[in-house]
Amino acid sequence: SLLYPDEFEKMKAKAPDNFRVDYAVSREQTNALGEKMYIQTRMAEYKEELWELLKKDNTYVYMCGLKGMEKGIDEIMVTLAEKDGIDWFEYKKQLKKGEQWNVEVY
């Protein structure tokens, strides 16, 4: 089941050929090392591609999960942003303001 059905359909309609959905279900999936699969683990698999996409104004990210996931994601993005001389936390604020970075945690 989708947690964001309206957003999903909206983004899919805007760019059906440039749309990606990934899942990280820690109770059901494992990473390459056999460890639990978390969203930050999944994102790390294609982090450079994701960072390049996040530098474009037509990339939208929707994530949902436990509150602790944000720290792991920030750790990945800080390193990538620094390579381009960008402060990730400031950049993330701008992405949120433009509704490009959407995270729901509980």
C-alpha atoms as a PDB file:
ATOM      1  CA  SER A   1       0.000   0.000   0.000  1.00  0.00           C
ATOM      2  CA  LEU A   2       1.169   3.503  -0.730  1.00  0.00           C
ATOM      3  CA  LEU A   3       1.444   6.018   2.059  1.00  0.00           C
ATOM      4  CA  TYR A   4       1.222   9.009  -0.281  1.00  0.00           C
ATOM      5  CA  PRO A   5      -1.200   7.972  -3.036  1.00  0.00           C
ATOM      6  CA  ASP A   6      -2.038  11.530  -4.119  1.00  0.00           C
ATOM      7  CA  GLU A   7       1.606  12.606  -4.324  1.00  0.00           C
ATOM      8  CA  PHE A   8       2.515   9.372  -6.061  1.00  0.00           C
ATOM      9  CA  GLU A   9      -0.050   9.887  -8.812  1.00  0.00           C
ATOM     10  CA  LYS A  10       0.807  13.586  -9.139  1.00  0.00           C
ATOM     11  CA  MET A  11       4.516  12.950  -9.635  1.00  0.00           C
ATOM     12  CA  LYS A  12       3.931   9.978 -11.902  1.00  0.00           C
ATOM     13  CA  ALA A  13       1.632  12.101 -14.088  1.00  0.00           C
ATOM     14  CA  LYS A  14       4.204  14.907 -14.294  1.00  0.00           C
ATOM     15  CA  ALA A  15       7.048  12.678 -15.417  1.00  0.00           C
ATOM     16  CA  PRO A  16       6.026   9.101 -16.155  1.00  0.00           C
ATOM     17  CA  ASP A  17       9.363   8.277 -17.792  1.00  0.00           C
ATOM     18  CA  ASN A  18      11.405   9.851 -15.001  1.00  0.00           C
ATOM     19  CA  PHE A  19       9.793   8.334 -11.976  1.00  0.00           C
ATOM     20  CA  ARG A  20      11.270   5.969  -9.421  1.00  0.00           C
ATOM     21  CA  VAL A  21       9.774   4.273  -6.386  1.00  0.00           C
ATOM     22  CA  ASP A  22      11.998   2.411  -3.932  1.00  0.00           C
ATOM     23  CA  TYR A  23      11.119   0.584  -0.767  1.00  0.00           C
ATOM     24  CA  ALA A  24      13.203  -0.330   2.228  1.00  0.00           C
ATOM     25  CA  VAL A  25      11.352  -2.711   4.494  1.00  0.00           C
ATOM     26  CA  SER A  26      13.638  -3.569   7.401  1.00  0.00           C
ATOM     27  CA  ARG A  27      11.592  -6.558   8.526  1.00  0.00           C
ATOM     28  CA  GLU A  28      11.510  -8.124   5.076  1.00  0.00           C
ATOM     29  CA  GLN A  29      14.610  -7.055   3.150  1.00  0.00           C
ATOM     30  CA  THR A  30      18.360  -7.170   3.682  1.00  0.00           C
ATOM     31  CA  ASN A  31      21.222  -5.252   2.146  1.00  0.00           C
ATOM     32  CA  ALA A  32      24.244  -6.768   0.364  1.00  0.00           C
ATOM     33  CA  LEU A  33      25.816  -7.594   3.740  1.00  0.00           C
ATOM     34  CA  GLY A  34      22.725  -9.423   4.959  1.00  0.00           C
ATOM     35  CA  GLU A  35      21.795  -6.620   7.366  1.00  0.00           C
ATOM     36  CA  LYS A  36      18.344  -5.064   7.711  1.00  0.00           C
ATOM     37  CA  MET A  37      17.419  -2.769   4.816  1.00  0.00           C
ATOM     38  CA  TYR A  38      16.724   0.794   5.880  1.00  0.00           C
ATOM     39  CA  ILE A  39      15.897   3.782   3.686  1.00  0.00           C
ATOM     40  CA  GLN A  40      19.353   5.275   4.217  1.00  0.00           C
ATOM     41  CA  THR A  41      20.864   1.940   3.152  1.00  0.00           C
ATOM     42  CA  ARG A  42      18.767   1.959  -0.009  1.00  0.00           C
ATOM     43  CA  MET A  43      19.632   5.588  -0.745  1.00  0.00           C
ATOM     44  CA  ALA A  44      23.337   4.879  -0.282  1.00  0.00           C
ATOM     45  CA  GLU A  45      23.127   2.368  -3.140  1.00  0.00           C
ATOM     46  CA  TYR A  46      22.643   5.215  -5.614  1.00  0.00           C
ATOM     47  CA  LYS A  47      23.700   8.242  -3.569  1.00  0.00           C
ATOM     48  CA  GLU A  48      25.705   9.971  -6.331  1.00  0.00           C
ATOM     49  CA  GLU A  49      22.789   9.693  -8.754  1.00  0.00           C
ATOM     50  CA  LEU A  50      20.406  10.978  -6.103  1.00  0.00           C
ATOM     51  CA  TRP A  51      22.653  13.942  -5.286  1.00  0.00           C
ATOM     52  CA  GLU A  52      22.863  14.909  -8.966  1.00  0.00           C
ATOM     53  CA  LEU A  53      19.071  14.717  -9.188  1.00  0.00           C
ATOM     54  CA  LEU A  54      18.632  16.814  -6.045  1.00  0.00           C
ATOM     55  CA  LYS A  55      20.600  19.628  -7.662  1.00  0.00           C
ATOM     56  CA  LYS A  56      17.848  19.927 -10.282  1.00  0.00           C
ATOM     57  CA  ASP A  57      14.678  21.864  -9.620  1.00  0.00           C
ATOM     58  CA  ASN A  58      12.417  19.138 -10.979  1.00  0.00           C
ATOM     59  CA  THR A  59      13.350  16.405  -8.487  1.00  0.00           C
ATOM     60  CA  TYR A  60      10.923  15.570  -5.690  1.00  0.00           C
ATOM     61  CA  VAL A  61      11.612  13.162  -2.846  1.00  0.00           C
ATOM     62  CA  TYR A  62       8.970  11.635  -0.564  1.00  0.00           C
ATOM     63  CA  MET A  63      10.024   9.452   2.358  1.00  0.00           C
ATOM     64  CA  CYS A  64       8.199   7.957   5.281  1.00  0.00           C
ATOM     65  CA  GLY A  65       9.552   6.001   8.223  1.00  0.00           C
ATOM     66  CA  LEU A  66      10.847   6.081  11.749  1.00  0.00           C
ATOM     67  CA  LYS A  67      12.251   9.357  13.055  1.00  0.00           C
ATOM     68  CA  GLY A  68      15.770   7.919  13.379  1.00  0.00           C
ATOM     69  CA  MET A  69      16.097   7.488   9.606  1.00  0.00           C
ATOM     70  CA  GLU A  70      16.729  11.194   9.071  1.00  0.00           C
ATOM     71  CA  LYS A  71      20.120  11.070  10.779  1.00  0.00           C
ATOM     72  CA  GLY A  72      21.357   8.323   8.454  1.00  0.00           C
ATOM     73  CA  ILE A  73      20.122  10.171   5.388  1.00  0.00           C
ATOM     74  CA  ASP A  74      21.752  13.414   6.549  1.00  0.00           C
ATOM     75  CA  GLU A  75      25.067  11.592   7.023  1.00  0.00           C
ATOM     76  CA  ILE A  76      24.992  10.452   3.403  1.00  0.00           C
ATOM     77  CA  MET A  77      23.942  13.821   2.003  1.00  0.00           C
ATOM     78  CA  VAL A  78      26.375  15.934   4.072  1.00  0.00           C
ATOM     79  CA  THR A  79      29.332  14.158   2.501  1.00  0.00           C
ATOM     80  CA  LEU A  80      27.975  14.468  -1.033  1.00  0.00           C
ATOM     81  CA  ALA A  81      27.052  18.139  -0.624  1.00  0.00           C
ATOM     82  CA  GLU A  82      30.470  18.996   0.840  1.00  0.00           C
ATOM     83  CA  LYS A  83      32.140  17.752  -2.360  1.00  0.00           C
ATOM     84  CA  ASP A  84      30.312  20.582  -4.147  1.00  0.00           C
ATOM     85  CA  GLY A  85      30.951  23.101  -1.374  1.00  0.00           C
ATOM     86  CA  ILE A  86      27.320  23.016  -0.268  1.00  0.00           C
ATOM     87  CA  ASP A  87      26.013  22.950   3.300  1.00  0.00           C
ATOM     88  CA  TRP A  88      23.506  20.085   3.249  1.00  0.00           C
ATOM     89  CA  PHE A  89      21.350  21.387   6.077  1.00  0.00           C
ATOM     90  CA  GLU A  90      20.900  24.786   4.415  1.00  0.00           C
ATOM     91  CA  TYR A  91      20.285  23.135   1.064  1.00  0.00           C
ATOM     92  CA  LYS A  92      17.728  20.784   2.616  1.00  0.00           C
ATOM     93  CA  LYS A  93      15.857  23.794   4.008  1.00  0.00           C
ATOM     94  CA  GLN A  94      15.586  25.180   0.484  1.00  0.00           C
ATOM     95  CA  LEU A  95      14.429  21.829  -0.873  1.00  0.00           C
ATOM     96  CA  LYS A  96      11.754  21.654   1.826  1.00  0.00           C
ATOM     97  CA  LYS A  97      10.652  25.212   1.092  1.00  0.00           C
ATOM     98  CA  GLY A  98      10.252  24.282  -2.573  1.00  0.00           C
ATOM     99  CA  GLU A  99       8.359  21.118  -1.576  1.00  0.00           C
ATOM    100  CA  GLN A 100      11.073  18.984  -3.174  1.00  0.00           C
ATOM    101  CA  TRP A 101      12.122  17.223   0.043  1.00  0.00           C
ATOM    102  CA  ASN A 102       9.205  15.655   1.880  1.00  0.00           C
ATOM    103  CA  VAL A 103       9.802  13.485   4.925  1.00  0.00           C
ATOM    104  CA  GLU A 104       7.188  12.081   7.246  1.00  0.00           C
ATOM    105  CA  VAL A 105       8.477  10.412  10.360  1.00  0.00           C
ATOM    106  CA  TYR A 106       6.820   8.959  13.416  1.00  0.00           C
END
